[in-house]
Amino acid sequence: MPNIKPISDLRNYTSVINEVAYGNRVYLTRNGHGQCAIIDMKELDELDKLKALSQLMGKLSEAELSIRNEGTISADELEAELGVAD
């Protein structure tokens, strides 16, 4: 069950922070609407890694599609295109 508190509860910051744990976020509201969340740092790090992995997989999918549709070029052609040929 979500742990939802009014942002005014931050006046007693320590008690709010003590409720935060891995998998137990504290959601803060302002005027009854969601404002922000407090999340365990280990959980945040894992979410960041998952986001980066998802972005990488998306870029790899785009690259595979490009290879299928447009093909590839040789290393020599790439060097010539970049102007670094021997």
N, C-alpha and C. Protein backbone atom coordinates (compact mmCIF):
# COMPACT_ATOMS: atom_id res chain seq x y z
N MET A 1 0.85 -1.18 0.00
CA MET A 1 0.00 0.00 0.00
C MET A 1 0.89 1.24 0.00
N PRO A 2 0.62 2.22 -0.85
CA PRO A 2 1.46 3.41 -0.92
C PRO A 2 1.47 4.20 0.39
N ASN A 3 2.62 4.75 0.70
CA ASN A 3 2.79 5.58 1.89
C ASN A 3 2.69 7.04 1.44
N ILE A 4 1.50 7.63 1.61
CA ILE A 4 1.23 8.98 1.11
C ILE A 4 1.07 9.92 2.30
N LYS A 5 1.80 11.03 2.23
CA LYS A 5 1.76 12.00 3.32
C LYS A 5 1.68 13.41 2.76
N PRO A 6 1.08 14.32 3.50
CA PRO A 6 1.12 15.73 3.07
C PRO A 6 2.54 16.26 3.24
N ILE A 7 2.93 17.17 2.36
CA ILE A 7 4.29 17.70 2.38
C ILE A 7 4.57 18.42 3.71
N SER A 8 3.54 18.87 4.38
CA SER A 8 3.72 19.53 5.67
C SER A 8 4.31 18.59 6.72
N ASP A 9 4.18 17.28 6.52
CA ASP A 9 4.78 16.32 7.45
C ASP A 9 6.31 16.40 7.46
N LEU A 10 6.89 17.07 6.47
CA LEU A 10 8.35 17.21 6.44
C LEU A 10 8.86 18.13 7.56
N ARG A 11 7.96 18.79 8.24
CA ARG A 11 8.38 19.56 9.41
C ARG A 11 9.07 18.63 10.41
N ASN A 12 8.59 17.39 10.43
CA ASN A 12 9.22 16.36 11.25
C ASN A 12 9.96 15.41 10.30
N TYR A 13 10.99 15.96 9.69
CA TYR A 13 11.76 15.28 8.63
C TYR A 13 12.24 13.89 9.04
N THR A 14 12.75 13.76 10.24
CA THR A 14 13.32 12.48 10.68
C THR A 14 12.29 11.36 10.68
N SER A 15 11.09 11.63 11.13
CA SER A 15 10.08 10.56 11.17
C SER A 15 9.68 10.13 9.76
N VAL A 16 9.63 11.08 8.83
CA VAL A 16 9.29 10.74 7.44
C VAL A 16 10.41 9.91 6.83
N ILE A 17 11.66 10.35 7.00
CA ILE A 17 12.80 9.63 6.43
C ILE A 17 12.91 8.23 7.01
N ASN A 18 12.58 8.05 8.26
CA ASN A 18 12.65 6.73 8.88
C ASN A 18 11.66 5.75 8.27
N GLU A 19 10.65 6.25 7.58
CA GLU A 19 9.68 5.38 6.93
C GLU A 19 10.13 4.92 5.55
N VAL A 20 11.15 5.58 5.00
CA VAL A 20 11.65 5.23 3.67
C VAL A 20 12.54 4.01 3.79
N ALA A 21 12.30 3.04 2.92
CA ALA A 21 13.12 1.83 2.87
C ALA A 21 13.06 1.30 1.44
N TYR A 22 13.93 0.36 1.13
CA TYR A 22 13.92 -0.25 -0.19
C TYR A 22 12.53 -0.82 -0.45
N GLY A 23 11.90 -0.37 -1.53
CA GLY A 23 10.56 -0.84 -1.87
C GLY A 23 9.44 -0.12 -1.14
N ASN A 24 9.79 0.78 -0.24
CA ASN A 24 8.78 1.53 0.51
C ASN A 24 9.05 3.02 0.34
N ARG A 25 8.53 3.58 -0.73
CA ARG A 25 8.69 5.00 -1.01
C ARG A 25 7.68 5.79 -0.19
N VAL A 26 8.00 7.03 0.07
CA VAL A 26 7.05 7.94 0.71
C VAL A 26 6.68 8.98 -0.34
N TYR A 27 5.40 9.06 -0.64
CA TYR A 27 4.88 10.02 -1.61
C TYR A 27 4.35 11.23 -0.86
N LEU A 28 4.78 12.40 -1.30
CA LEU A 28 4.36 13.64 -0.64
C LEU A 28 3.36 14.38 -1.52
N THR A 29 2.35 14.92 -0.88
CA THR A 29 1.31 15.66 -1.61
C THR A 29 1.31 17.12 -1.17
N ARG A 30 0.86 17.96 -2.08
CA ARG A 30 0.64 19.38 -1.77
C ARG A 30 -0.78 19.69 -2.23
N ASN A 31 -1.58 20.18 -1.33
CA ASN A 31 -2.99 20.48 -1.62
C ASN A 31 -3.71 19.27 -2.20
N GLY A 32 -3.36 18.09 -1.71
CA GLY A 32 -4.04 16.86 -2.13
C GLY A 32 -3.56 16.27 -3.43
N HIS A 33 -2.56 16.86 -4.06
CA HIS A 33 -2.04 16.36 -5.33
C HIS A 33 -0.60 15.90 -5.16
N GLY A 34 -0.24 14.84 -5.84
CA GLY A 34 1.12 14.32 -5.76
C GLY A 34 2.14 15.38 -6.11
N GLN A 35 3.16 15.52 -5.29
CA GLN A 35 4.20 16.54 -5.51
C GLN A 35 5.56 15.89 -5.76
N CYS A 36 5.94 14.93 -4.91
CA CYS A 36 7.25 14.29 -5.07
C CYS A 36 7.26 13.00 -4.27
N ALA A 37 8.36 12.28 -4.40
CA ALA A 37 8.51 11.02 -3.68
C ALA A 37 9.90 10.96 -3.07
N ILE A 38 9.99 10.30 -1.95
CA ILE A 38 11.29 10.02 -1.33
C ILE A 38 11.52 8.53 -1.49
N ILE A 39 12.70 8.19 -2.04
CA ILE A 39 12.99 6.80 -2.39
C ILE A 39 14.37 6.41 -1.87
N ASP A 40 14.52 5.17 -1.48
CA ASP A 40 15.80 4.63 -1.01
C ASP A 40 16.85 4.75 -2.12
N MET A 41 18.06 5.16 -1.78
CA MET A 41 19.12 5.39 -2.78
C MET A 41 19.46 4.12 -3.56
N LYS A 42 19.48 2.98 -2.90
CA LYS A 42 19.80 1.73 -3.60
C LYS A 42 18.73 1.43 -4.65
N GLU A 43 17.48 1.66 -4.29
CA GLU A 43 16.39 1.46 -5.25
C GLU A 43 16.49 2.44 -6.41
N LEU A 44 16.84 3.70 -6.11
CA LEU A 44 17.00 4.70 -7.16
C LEU A 44 18.13 4.31 -8.11
N ASP A 45 19.25 3.84 -7.57
CA ASP A 45 20.36 3.39 -8.41
C ASP A 45 19.93 2.26 -9.35
N GLU A 46 19.16 1.32 -8.83
CA GLU A 46 18.67 0.21 -9.65
C GLU A 46 17.72 0.71 -10.73
N LEU A 47 16.86 1.67 -10.40
CA LEU A 47 15.95 2.24 -11.40
C LEU A 47 16.73 2.98 -12.49
N ASP A 48 17.79 3.69 -12.09
CA ASP A 48 18.63 4.38 -13.07
C ASP A 48 19.30 3.38 -14.01
N LYS A 49 19.77 2.27 -13.46
CA LYS A 49 20.40 1.23 -14.29
C LYS A 49 19.40 0.63 -15.26
N LEU A 50 18.18 0.37 -14.78
CA LEU A 50 17.14 -0.18 -15.65
C LEU A 50 16.78 0.80 -16.76
N LYS A 51 16.73 2.09 -16.43
CA LYS A 51 16.43 3.10 -17.44
C LYS A 51 17.52 3.14 -18.49
N ALA A 52 18.79 3.11 -18.05
CA ALA A 52 19.91 3.13 -18.99
C ALA A 52 19.90 1.88 -19.86
N LEU A 53 19.60 0.73 -19.29
CA LEU A 53 19.52 -0.51 -20.05
C LEU A 53 18.41 -0.44 -21.08
N SER A 54 17.27 0.10 -20.69
CA SER A 54 16.15 0.23 -21.61
C SER A 54 16.51 1.15 -22.77
N GLN A 55 17.19 2.27 -22.48
CA GLN A 55 17.61 3.19 -23.54
C GLN A 55 18.62 2.51 -24.47
N LEU A 56 19.55 1.75 -23.90
CA LEU A 56 20.54 1.04 -24.70
C LEU A 56 19.86 0.03 -25.62
N MET A 57 18.92 -0.72 -25.08
CA MET A 57 18.21 -1.72 -25.89
C MET A 57 17.43 -1.04 -27.01
N GLY A 58 16.87 0.12 -26.75
CA GLY A 58 16.17 0.87 -27.79
C GLY A 58 17.10 1.30 -28.89
N LYS A 59 18.29 1.80 -28.52
CA LYS A 59 19.28 2.21 -29.53
C LYS A 59 19.78 1.00 -30.33
N LEU A 60 19.97 -0.13 -29.66
CA LEU A 60 20.39 -1.34 -30.38
C LEU A 60 19.32 -1.79 -31.37
N SER A 61 18.06 -1.69 -30.97
CA SER A 61 16.97 -2.05 -31.88
C SER A 61 16.95 -1.13 -33.09
N GLU A 62 17.16 0.17 -32.85
CA GLU A 62 17.22 1.13 -33.96
C GLU A 62 18.37 0.78 -34.90
N ALA A 63 19.52 0.42 -34.33
CA ALA A 63 20.69 0.08 -35.14
C ALA A 63 20.43 -1.17 -35.97
N GLU A 64 19.83 -2.19 -35.37
CA GLU A 64 19.52 -3.42 -36.10
C GLU A 64 18.56 -3.14 -37.25
N LEU A 65 17.57 -2.31 -37.00
CA LEU A 65 16.61 -1.95 -38.04
C LEU A 65 17.31 -1.19 -39.17
N SER A 66 18.20 -0.28 -38.81
CA SER A 66 18.96 0.47 -39.80
C SER A 66 19.83 -0.46 -40.65
N ILE A 67 20.46 -1.43 -40.02
CA ILE A 67 21.29 -2.38 -40.76
C ILE A 67 20.44 -3.18 -41.74
N ARG A 68 19.27 -3.62 -41.27
CA ARG A 68 18.38 -4.39 -42.15
C ARG A 68 17.90 -3.55 -43.33
N ASN A 69 17.56 -2.29 -43.08
CA ASN A 69 16.99 -1.44 -44.12
C ASN A 69 18.03 -0.80 -45.02
N GLU A 70 19.15 -0.40 -44.43
CA GLU A 70 20.13 0.37 -45.19
C GLU A 70 21.43 -0.39 -45.45
N GLY A 71 21.66 -1.47 -44.76
CA GLY A 71 22.89 -2.23 -44.92
C GLY A 71 24.04 -1.60 -44.15
N THR A 72 25.24 -2.07 -44.45
CA THR A 72 26.43 -1.57 -43.77
C THR A 72 27.46 -1.14 -44.80
N ILE A 73 28.54 -0.51 -44.32
CA ILE A 73 29.65 -0.16 -45.20
C ILE A 73 30.91 -0.75 -44.61
N SER A 74 31.93 -0.90 -45.44
CA SER A 74 33.19 -1.48 -44.97
C SER A 74 33.97 -0.44 -44.16
N ALA A 75 34.98 -0.92 -43.44
CA ALA A 75 35.83 -0.02 -42.66
C ALA A 75 36.55 0.97 -43.58
N ASP A 76 36.98 0.51 -44.75
CA ASP A 76 37.65 1.40 -45.70
C ASP A 76 36.72 2.51 -46.17
N GLU A 77 35.46 2.15 -46.44
CA GLU A 77 34.48 3.16 -46.87
C GLU A 77 34.22 4.17 -45.74
N LEU A 78 34.17 3.68 -44.52
CA LEU A 78 33.93 4.56 -43.38
C LEU A 78 35.11 5.53 -43.20
N GLU A 79 36.33 5.01 -43.29
CA GLU A 79 37.51 5.87 -43.16
C GLU A 79 37.52 6.94 -44.26
N ALA A 80 37.18 6.54 -45.47
CA ALA A 80 37.15 7.50 -46.58
C ALA A 80 36.07 8.56 -46.33
N GLU A 81 34.92 8.14 -45.84
CA GLU A 81 33.83 9.06 -45.57
C GLU A 81 34.19 10.05 -44.46
N LEU A 82 34.96 9.56 -43.48
CA LEU A 82 35.37 10.42 -42.37
C LEU A 82 36.64 11.22 -42.69
N GLY A 83 37.28 10.88 -43.78
CA GLY A 83 38.49 11.58 -44.18
C GLY A 83 39.72 11.19 -43.38
N VAL A 84 39.74 9.97 -42.90
CA VAL A 84 40.89 9.51 -42.12
C VAL A 84 41.62 8.35 -42.82
N ALA A 85 41.38 8.18 -44.11
CA ALA A 85 42.00 7.08 -44.86
C ALA A 85 43.50 7.29 -44.92
N ASP A 86 44.23 6.18 -44.98
CA ASP A 86 45.70 6.22 -45.03
C ASP A 86 46.20 6.84 -46.29
